[in-house]
PDB file of N, CA and C in Angstrom:
ATOM      1  N   MET A   1     -19.132  21.030   2.108  1.00  0.00           N
ATOM      2  CA  MET A   1     -18.547  21.598   3.310  1.00  0.00           C
ATOM      3  C   MET A   1     -17.482  22.608   2.863  1.00  0.00           C
ATOM      4  N   ASP A   2     -17.511  23.763   3.466  1.00  0.00           N
ATOM      5  CA  ASP A   2     -16.563  24.796   3.058  1.00  0.00           C
ATOM      6  C   ASP A   2     -15.197  24.605   3.729  1.00  0.00           C
ATOM      7  N   ALA A   3     -14.216  25.297   3.183  1.00  0.00           N
ATOM      8  CA  ALA A   3     -12.837  25.146   3.647  1.00  0.00           C
ATOM      9  C   ALA A   3     -12.674  25.526   5.118  1.00  0.00           C
ATOM     10  N   ARG A   4     -13.403  26.535   5.553  1.00  0.00           N
ATOM     11  CA  ARG A   4     -13.291  26.954   6.957  1.00  0.00           C
ATOM     12  C   ARG A   4     -13.793  25.852   7.894  1.00  0.00           C
ATOM     13  N   ARG A   5     -14.900  25.224   7.533  1.00  0.00           N
ATOM     14  CA  ARG A   5     -15.447  24.150   8.371  1.00  0.00           C
ATOM     15  C   ARG A   5     -14.509  22.949   8.383  1.00  0.00           C
ATOM     16  N   ILE A   6     -13.945  22.629   7.233  1.00  0.00           N
ATOM     17  CA  ILE A   6     -12.982  21.525   7.157  1.00  0.00           C
ATOM     18  C   ILE A   6     -11.792  21.817   8.072  1.00  0.00           C
ATOM     19  N   ALA A   7     -11.310  23.048   8.052  1.00  0.00           N
ATOM     20  CA  ALA A   7     -10.191  23.428   8.919  1.00  0.00           C
ATOM     21  C   ALA A   7     -10.566  23.258  10.391  1.00  0.00           C
ATOM     22  N   GLN A   8     -11.806  23.590  10.753  1.00  0.00           N
ATOM     23  CA  GLN A   8     -12.261  23.410  12.139  1.00  0.00           C
ATOM     24  C   GLN A   8     -12.279  21.939  12.529  1.00  0.00           C
ATOM     25  N   LEU A   9     -12.722  21.083  11.615  1.00  0.00           N
ATOM     26  CA  LEU A   9     -12.758  19.645  11.899  1.00  0.00           C
ATOM     27  C   LEU A   9     -11.341  19.103  12.081  1.00  0.00           C
ATOM     28  N   LYS A  10     -10.431  19.520  11.206  1.00  0.00           N
ATOM     29  CA  LYS A  10      -9.037  19.082  11.317  1.00  0.00           C
ATOM     30  C   LYS A  10      -8.421  19.557  12.631  1.00  0.00           C
ATOM     31  N   GLN A  11      -8.707  20.781  13.004  1.00  0.00           N
ATOM     32  CA  GLN A  11      -8.173  21.332  14.257  1.00  0.00           C
ATOM     33  C   GLN A  11      -8.697  20.552  15.460  1.00  0.00           C
ATOM     34  N   ALA A  12      -9.985  20.241  15.445  1.00  0.00           N
ATOM     35  CA  ALA A  12     -10.576  19.465  16.541  1.00  0.00           C
ATOM     36  C   ALA A  12      -9.934  18.074  16.611  1.00  0.00           C
ATOM     37  N   ALA A  13      -9.750  17.448  15.452  1.00  0.00           N
ATOM     38  CA  ALA A  13      -9.141  16.115  15.419  1.00  0.00           C
ATOM     39  C   ALA A  13      -7.699  16.151  15.909  1.00  0.00           C
ATOM     40  N   ASN A  14      -6.982  17.187  15.543  1.00  0.00           N
ATOM     41  CA  ASN A  14      -5.596  17.312  15.989  1.00  0.00           C
ATOM     42  C   ASN A  14      -5.532  17.479  17.505  1.00  0.00           C
ATOM     43  N   ARG A  15      -6.431  18.300  18.042  1.00  0.00           N
ATOM     44  CA  ARG A  15      -6.486  18.500  19.495  1.00  0.00           C
ATOM     45  C   ARG A  15      -6.796  17.172  20.200  1.00  0.00           C
ATOM     46  N   LEU A  16      -7.785  16.455  19.685  1.00  0.00           N
ATOM     47  CA  LEU A  16      -8.150  15.176  20.297  1.00  0.00           C
ATOM     48  C   LEU A  16      -7.009  14.166  20.203  1.00  0.00           C
ATOM     49  N   SER A  17      -6.300  14.156  19.079  1.00  0.00           N
ATOM     50  CA  SER A  17      -5.202  13.193  18.947  1.00  0.00           C
ATOM     51  C   SER A  17      -4.108  13.476  19.971  1.00  0.00           C
ATOM     52  N   ASP A  18      -3.828  14.756  20.212  1.00  0.00           N
ATOM     53  CA  ASP A  18      -2.840  15.100  21.244  1.00  0.00           C
ATOM     54  C   ASP A  18      -3.314  14.668  22.630  1.00  0.00           C
ATOM     55  N   LEU A  19      -4.594  14.902  22.904  1.00  0.00           N
ATOM     56  CA  LEU A  19      -5.141  14.479  24.199  1.00  0.00           C
ATOM     57  C   LEU A  19      -5.060  12.967  24.368  1.00  0.00           C
ATOM     58  N   PHE A  20      -5.375  12.231  23.308  1.00  0.00           N
ATOM     59  CA  PHE A  20      -5.329  10.768  23.368  1.00  0.00           C
ATOM     60  C   PHE A  20      -3.927  10.298  23.744  1.00  0.00           C
ATOM     61  N   ILE A  21      -2.930  10.890  23.116  1.00  0.00           N
ATOM     62  CA  ILE A  21      -1.546  10.497  23.368  1.00  0.00           C
ATOM     63  C   ILE A  21      -1.116  10.877  24.783  1.00  0.00           C
ATOM     64  N   ASP A  22      -1.557  12.045  25.250  1.00  0.00           N
ATOM     65  CA  ASP A  22      -1.140  12.541  26.558  1.00  0.00           C
ATOM     66  C   ASP A  22      -1.937  11.965  27.729  1.00  0.00           C
ATOM     67  N   ASP A  23      -3.253  11.853  27.561  1.00  0.00           N
ATOM     68  CA  ASP A  23      -4.119  11.441  28.676  1.00  0.00           C
ATOM     69  C   ASP A  23      -5.461  10.950  28.133  1.00  0.00           C
ATOM     70  N   VAL A  24      -5.626   9.659  28.097  1.00  0.00           N
ATOM     71  CA  VAL A  24      -6.829   9.061  27.508  1.00  0.00           C
ATOM     72  C   VAL A  24      -8.100   9.528  28.214  1.00  0.00           C
ATOM     73  N   ASN A  25      -8.033   9.733  29.510  1.00  0.00           N
ATOM     74  CA  ASN A  25      -9.227  10.196  30.232  1.00  0.00           C
ATOM     75  C   ASN A  25      -9.661  11.584  29.768  1.00  0.00           C
ATOM     76  N   LYS A  26      -8.691  12.457  29.542  1.00  0.00           N
ATOM     77  CA  LYS A  26      -9.015  13.791  29.022  1.00  0.00           C
ATOM     78  C   LYS A  26      -9.569  13.693  27.599  1.00  0.00           C
ATOM     79  N   TYR A  27      -9.008  12.768  26.824  1.00  0.00           N
ATOM     80  CA  TYR A  27      -9.508  12.529  25.462  1.00  0.00           C
ATOM     81  C   TYR A  27     -10.982  12.128  25.496  1.00  0.00           C
ATOM     82  N   VAL A  28     -11.312  11.178  26.346  1.00  0.00           N
ATOM     83  CA  VAL A  28     -12.696  10.702  26.453  1.00  0.00           C
ATOM     84  C   VAL A  28     -13.625  11.837  26.888  1.00  0.00           C
ATOM     85  N   ALA A  29     -13.203  12.600  27.861  1.00  0.00           N
ATOM     86  CA  ALA A  29     -14.020  13.716  28.341  1.00  0.00           C
ATOM     87  C   ALA A  29     -14.243  14.747  27.233  1.00  0.00           C
ATOM     88  N   GLU A  30     -13.192  15.040  26.486  1.00  0.00           N
ATOM     89  CA  GLU A  30     -13.315  16.022  25.403  1.00  0.00           C
ATOM     90  C   GLU A  30     -14.202  15.484  24.276  1.00  0.00           C
ATOM     91  N   CYS A  31     -14.088  14.197  23.973  1.00  0.00           N
ATOM     92  CA  CYS A  31     -14.965  13.581  22.968  1.00  0.00           C
ATOM     93  C   CYS A  31     -16.426  13.736  23.373  1.00  0.00           C
ATOM     94  N   GLU A  32     -16.706  13.480  24.627  1.00  0.00           N
ATOM     95  CA  GLU A  32     -18.086  13.618  25.120  1.00  0.00           C
ATOM     96  C   GLU A  32     -18.565  15.059  24.998  1.00  0.00           C
ATOM     97  N   THR A  33     -17.685  16.003  25.289  1.00  0.00           N
ATOM     98  CA  THR A  33     -18.032  17.419  25.157  1.00  0.00           C
ATOM     99  C   THR A  33     -18.307  17.770  23.700  1.00  0.00           C
ATOM    100  N   TYR A  34     -17.453  17.310  22.793  1.00  0.00           N
ATOM    101  CA  TYR A  34     -17.652  17.583  21.370  1.00  0.00           C
ATOM    102  C   TYR A  34     -18.974  16.984  20.894  1.00  0.00           C
ATOM    103  N   TYR A  35     -19.238  15.763  21.327  1.00  0.00           N
ATOM    104  CA  TYR A  35     -20.436  15.070  20.852  1.00  0.00           C
ATOM    105  C   TYR A  35     -21.718  15.727  21.360  1.00  0.00           C
ATOM    106  N   SER A  36     -21.728  16.088  22.617  1.00  0.00           N
ATOM    107  CA  SER A  36     -22.957  16.616  23.216  1.00  0.00           C
ATOM    108  C   SER A  36     -23.066  18.138  23.123  1.00  0.00           C
ATOM    109  N   GLY A  37     -22.008  18.797  22.674  1.00  0.00           N
ATOM    110  CA  GLY A  37     -21.979  20.253  22.669  1.00  0.00           C
ATOM    111  C   GLY A  37     -22.819  20.924  21.611  1.00  0.00           C
ATOM    112  N   GLY A  38     -23.214  20.194  20.574  1.00  0.00           N
ATOM    113  CA  GLY A  38     -24.045  20.773  19.533  1.00  0.00           C
ATOM    114  C   GLY A  38     -23.290  21.582  18.492  1.00  0.00           C
ATOM    115  N   LYS A  39     -21.988  21.690  18.631  1.00  0.00           N
ATOM    116  CA  LYS A  39     -21.195  22.456  17.668  1.00  0.00           C
ATOM    117  C   LYS A  39     -21.007  21.695  16.356  1.00  0.00           C
ATOM    118  N   TYR A  40     -21.023  20.374  16.454  1.00  0.00           N
ATOM    119  CA  TYR A  40     -20.793  19.529  15.289  1.00  0.00           C
ATOM    120  C   TYR A  40     -21.992  18.626  15.044  1.00  0.00           C
ATOM    121  N   THR A  41     -22.277  18.368  13.775  1.00  0.00           N
ATOM    122  CA  THR A  41     -23.318  17.411  13.428  1.00  0.00           C
ATOM    123  C   THR A  41     -22.782  16.005  13.709  1.00  0.00           C
ATOM    124  N   ASP A  42     -23.654  15.018  13.678  1.00  0.00           N
ATOM    125  CA  ASP A  42     -23.205  13.639  13.887  1.00  0.00           C
ATOM    126  C   ASP A  42     -22.178  13.229  12.830  1.00  0.00           C
ATOM    127  N   VAL A  43     -22.405  13.639  11.585  1.00  0.00           N
ATOM    128  CA  VAL A  43     -21.470  13.309  10.505  1.00  0.00           C
ATOM    129  C   VAL A  43     -20.122  13.986  10.752  1.00  0.00           C
ATOM    130  N   GLU A  44     -20.152  15.251  11.128  1.00  0.00           N
ATOM    131  CA  GLU A  44     -18.902  15.966  11.403  1.00  0.00           C
ATOM    132  C   GLU A  44     -18.164  15.334  12.579  1.00  0.00           C
ATOM    133  N   TYR A  45     -18.894  14.946  13.605  1.00  0.00           N
ATOM    134  CA  TYR A  45     -18.263  14.303  14.756  1.00  0.00           C
ATOM    135  C   TYR A  45     -17.588  13.001  14.332  1.00  0.00           C
ATOM    136  N   ALA A  46     -18.255  12.220  13.498  1.00  0.00           N
ATOM    137  CA  ALA A  46     -17.671  10.964  13.017  1.00  0.00           C
ATOM    138  C   ALA A  46     -16.396  11.241  12.219  1.00  0.00           C
ATOM    139  N   ILE A  47     -16.417  12.277  11.399  1.00  0.00           N
ATOM    140  CA  ILE A  47     -15.225  12.645  10.629  1.00  0.00           C
ATOM    141  C   ILE A  47     -14.090  13.036  11.575  1.00  0.00           C
ATOM    142  N   ILE A  48     -14.399  13.805  12.595  1.00  0.00           N
ATOM    143  CA  ILE A  48     -13.384  14.206  13.576  1.00  0.00           C
ATOM    144  C   ILE A  48     -12.738  12.977  14.204  1.00  0.00           C
ATOM    145  N   ILE A  49     -13.541  12.033  14.621  1.00  0.00           N
ATOM    146  CA  ILE A  49     -12.994  10.837  15.275  1.00  0.00           C
ATOM    147  C   ILE A  49     -12.130  10.028  14.307  1.00  0.00           C
ATOM    148  N   HIS A  50     -12.568   9.889  13.063  1.00  0.00           N
ATOM    149  CA  HIS A  50     -11.765   9.155  12.076  1.00  0.00           C
ATOM    150  C   HIS A  50     -10.472   9.898  11.752  1.00  0.00           C
ATOM    151  N   LEU A  51     -10.558  11.218  11.617  1.00  0.00           N
ATOM    152  CA  LEU A  51      -9.342  12.002  11.403  1.00  0.00           C
ATOM    153  C   LEU A  51      -8.400  11.873  12.602  1.00  0.00           C
ATOM    154  N   CYS A  52      -8.958  11.866  13.777  1.00  0.00           N
ATOM    155  CA  CYS A  52      -8.172  11.704  14.994  1.00  0.00           C
ATOM    156  C   CYS A  52      -7.387  10.394  14.951  1.00  0.00           C
ATOM    157  N   ASP A  53      -8.029   9.319  14.517  1.00  0.00           N
ATOM    158  CA  ASP A  53      -7.346   8.030  14.396  1.00  0.00           C
ATOM    159  C   ASP A  53      -6.159   8.127  13.434  1.00  0.00           C
ATOM    160  N   VAL A  54      -6.364   8.818  12.332  1.00  0.00           N
ATOM    161  CA  VAL A  54      -5.297   9.000  11.348  1.00  0.00           C
ATOM    162  C   VAL A  54      -4.151   9.804  11.959  1.00  0.00           C
ATOM    163  N   TYR A  55      -4.474  10.890  12.625  1.00  0.00           N
ATOM    164  CA  TYR A  55      -3.444  11.750  13.214  1.00  0.00           C
ATOM    165  C   TYR A  55      -2.664  11.012  14.303  1.00  0.00           C
ATOM    166  N   ILE A  56      -3.349  10.205  15.082  1.00  0.00           N
ATOM    167  CA  ILE A  56      -2.665   9.401  16.105  1.00  0.00           C
ATOM    168  C   ILE A  56      -1.688   8.432  15.439  1.00  0.00           C
ATOM    169  N   ALA A  57      -2.136   7.789  14.382  1.00  0.00           N
ATOM    170  CA  ALA A  57      -1.276   6.832  13.676  1.00  0.00           C
ATOM    171  C   ALA A  57      -0.007   7.504  13.157  1.00  0.00           C
ATOM    172  N   VAL A  58      -0.138   8.721  12.638  1.00  0.00           N
ATOM    173  CA  VAL A  58       1.033   9.453  12.151  1.00  0.00           C
ATOM    174  C   VAL A  58       1.947   9.820  13.318  1.00  0.00           C
ATOM    175  N   LYS A  59       1.364  10.339  14.373  1.00  0.00           N
ATOM    176  CA  LYS A  59       2.161  10.773  15.526  1.00  0.00           C
ATOM    177  C   LYS A  59       2.860   9.606  16.216  1.00  0.00           C
ATOM    178  N   ASP A  60       2.255   8.423  16.128  1.00  0.00           N
ATOM    179  CA  ASP A  60       2.868   7.228  16.710  1.00  0.00           C
ATOM    180  C   ASP A  60       3.847   6.545  15.748  1.00  0.00           C
ATOM    181  N   GLY A  61       3.928   7.050  14.520  1.00  0.00           N
ATOM    182  CA  GLY A  61       4.840   6.468  13.539  1.00  0.00           C
ATOM    183  C   GLY A  61       4.290   5.244  12.830  1.00  0.00           C
ATOM    184  N   ASN A  62       2.985   5.019  12.916  1.00  0.00           N
ATOM    185  CA  ASN A  62       2.374   3.849  12.293  1.00  0.00           C
ATOM    186  C   ASN A  62       1.787   4.138  10.912  1.00  0.00           C
ATOM    187  N   MET A  63       1.884   5.385  10.464  1.00  0.00           N
ATOM    188  CA  MET A  63       1.370   5.764   9.153  1.00  0.00           C
ATOM    189  C   MET A  63       2.226   6.922   8.645  1.00  0.00           C
ATOM    190  N   SER A  64       2.526   6.890   7.362  1.00  0.00           N
ATOM    191  CA  SER A  64       3.302   7.985   6.784  1.00  0.00           C
ATOM    192  C   SER A  64       2.400   9.198   6.561  1.00  0.00           C
ATOM    193  N   ARG A  65       3.016  10.333   6.420  1.00  0.00           N
ATOM    194  CA  ARG A  65       2.240  11.560   6.158  1.00  0.00           C
ATOM    195  C   ARG A  65       1.512  11.462   4.817  1.00  0.00           C
ATOM    196  N   ASP A  66       2.155  10.841   3.832  1.00  0.00           N
ATOM    197  CA  ASP A  66       1.504  10.683   2.528  1.00  0.00           C
ATOM    198  C   ASP A  66       0.248   9.832   2.644  1.00  0.00           C
ATOM    199  N   GLU A  67       0.338   8.731   3.397  1.00  0.00           N
ATOM    200  CA  GLU A  67      -0.842   7.892   3.634  1.00  0.00           C
ATOM    201  C   GLU A  67      -1.918   8.679   4.361  1.00  0.00           C
ATOM    202  N   ALA A  68      -1.496   9.466   5.321  1.00  0.00           N
ATOM    203  CA  ALA A  68      -2.442  10.257   6.111  1.00  0.00           C
ATOM    204  C   ALA A  68      -3.168  11.281   5.246  1.00  0.00           C
ATOM    205  N   VAL A  69      -2.447  11.913   4.349  1.00  0.00           N
ATOM    206  CA  VAL A  69      -3.071  12.893   3.457  1.00  0.00           C
ATOM    207  C   VAL A  69      -4.145  12.217   2.611  1.00  0.00           C
ATOM    208  N   GLU A  70      -3.841  11.035   2.100  1.00  0.00           N
ATOM    209  CA  GLU A  70      -4.829  10.310   1.280  1.00  0.00           C
ATOM    210  C   GLU A  70      -6.043   9.899   2.114  1.00  0.00           C
ATOM    211  N   LYS A  71      -5.806   9.393   3.306  1.00  0.00           N
ATOM    212  CA  LYS A  71      -6.922   9.011   4.190  1.00  0.00           C
ATOM    213  C   LYS A  71      -7.775  10.233   4.523  1.00  0.00           C
ATOM    214  N   GLN A  72      -7.106  11.337   4.805  1.00  0.00           N
ATOM    215  CA  GLN A  72      -7.815  12.566   5.134  1.00  0.00           C
ATOM    216  C   GLN A  72      -8.705  12.987   3.962  1.00  0.00           C
ATOM    217  N   ARG A  73      -8.158  12.935   2.761  1.00  0.00           N
ATOM    218  CA  ARG A  73      -8.955  13.275   1.568  1.00  0.00           C
ATOM    219  C   ARG A  73     -10.161  12.366   1.436  1.00  0.00           C
ATOM    220  N   GLU A  74      -9.951  11.074   1.646  1.00  0.00           N
ATOM    221  CA  GLU A  74     -11.059  10.113   1.558  1.00  0.00           C
ATOM    222  C   GLU A  74     -12.156  10.446   2.571  1.00  0.00           C
ATOM    223  N   LEU A  75     -11.746  10.721   3.792  1.00  0.00           N
ATOM    224  CA  LEU A  75     -12.726  11.028   4.839  1.00  0.00           C
ATOM    225  C   LEU A  75     -13.498  12.296   4.534  1.00  0.00           C
ATOM    226  N   LEU A  76     -12.828  13.306   4.070  1.00  0.00           N
ATOM    227  CA  LEU A  76     -13.479  14.577   3.806  1.00  0.00           C
ATOM    228  C   LEU A  76     -14.303  14.536   2.519  1.00  0.00           C
ATOM    229  N   ARG A  77     -13.947  13.674   1.603  1.00  0.00           N
ATOM    230  CA  ARG A  77     -14.726  13.482   0.388  1.00  0.00           C
ATOM    231  C   ARG A  77     -16.012  12.727   0.677  1.00  0.00           C
ATOM    232  N   SER A  78     -15.958  11.814   1.633  1.00  0.00           N
ATOM    233  CA  SER A  78     -17.118  10.966   1.937  1.00  0.00           C
ATOM    234  C   SER A  78     -18.198  11.727   2.681  1.00  0.00           C
ATOM    235  N   GLU A  79     -17.881  12.914   3.117  1.00  0.00           N
ATOM    236  CA  GLU A  79     -18.835  13.764   3.864  1.00  0.00           C
ATOM    237  C   GLU A  79     -20.034  13.973   2.985  1.00  0.00           C
TER     238      GLU A  79
END
């Protein structure tokens, strides 16, 4: 996966994490749009959702940024 695509996945995950924190219903609707929109493969969609979980944990104070960086690397390596 190239750097540009990785950046797109991270951006999507960041957007979803903000939606989750602000309005879960909007988060669910956006997830459905991402999944059915055809822009992302099933693997990419799964990575987005896992990255979203990591970003939420950081934003909620349940994970340090250092931990998040390592988790992010693991997720993107497993692609």
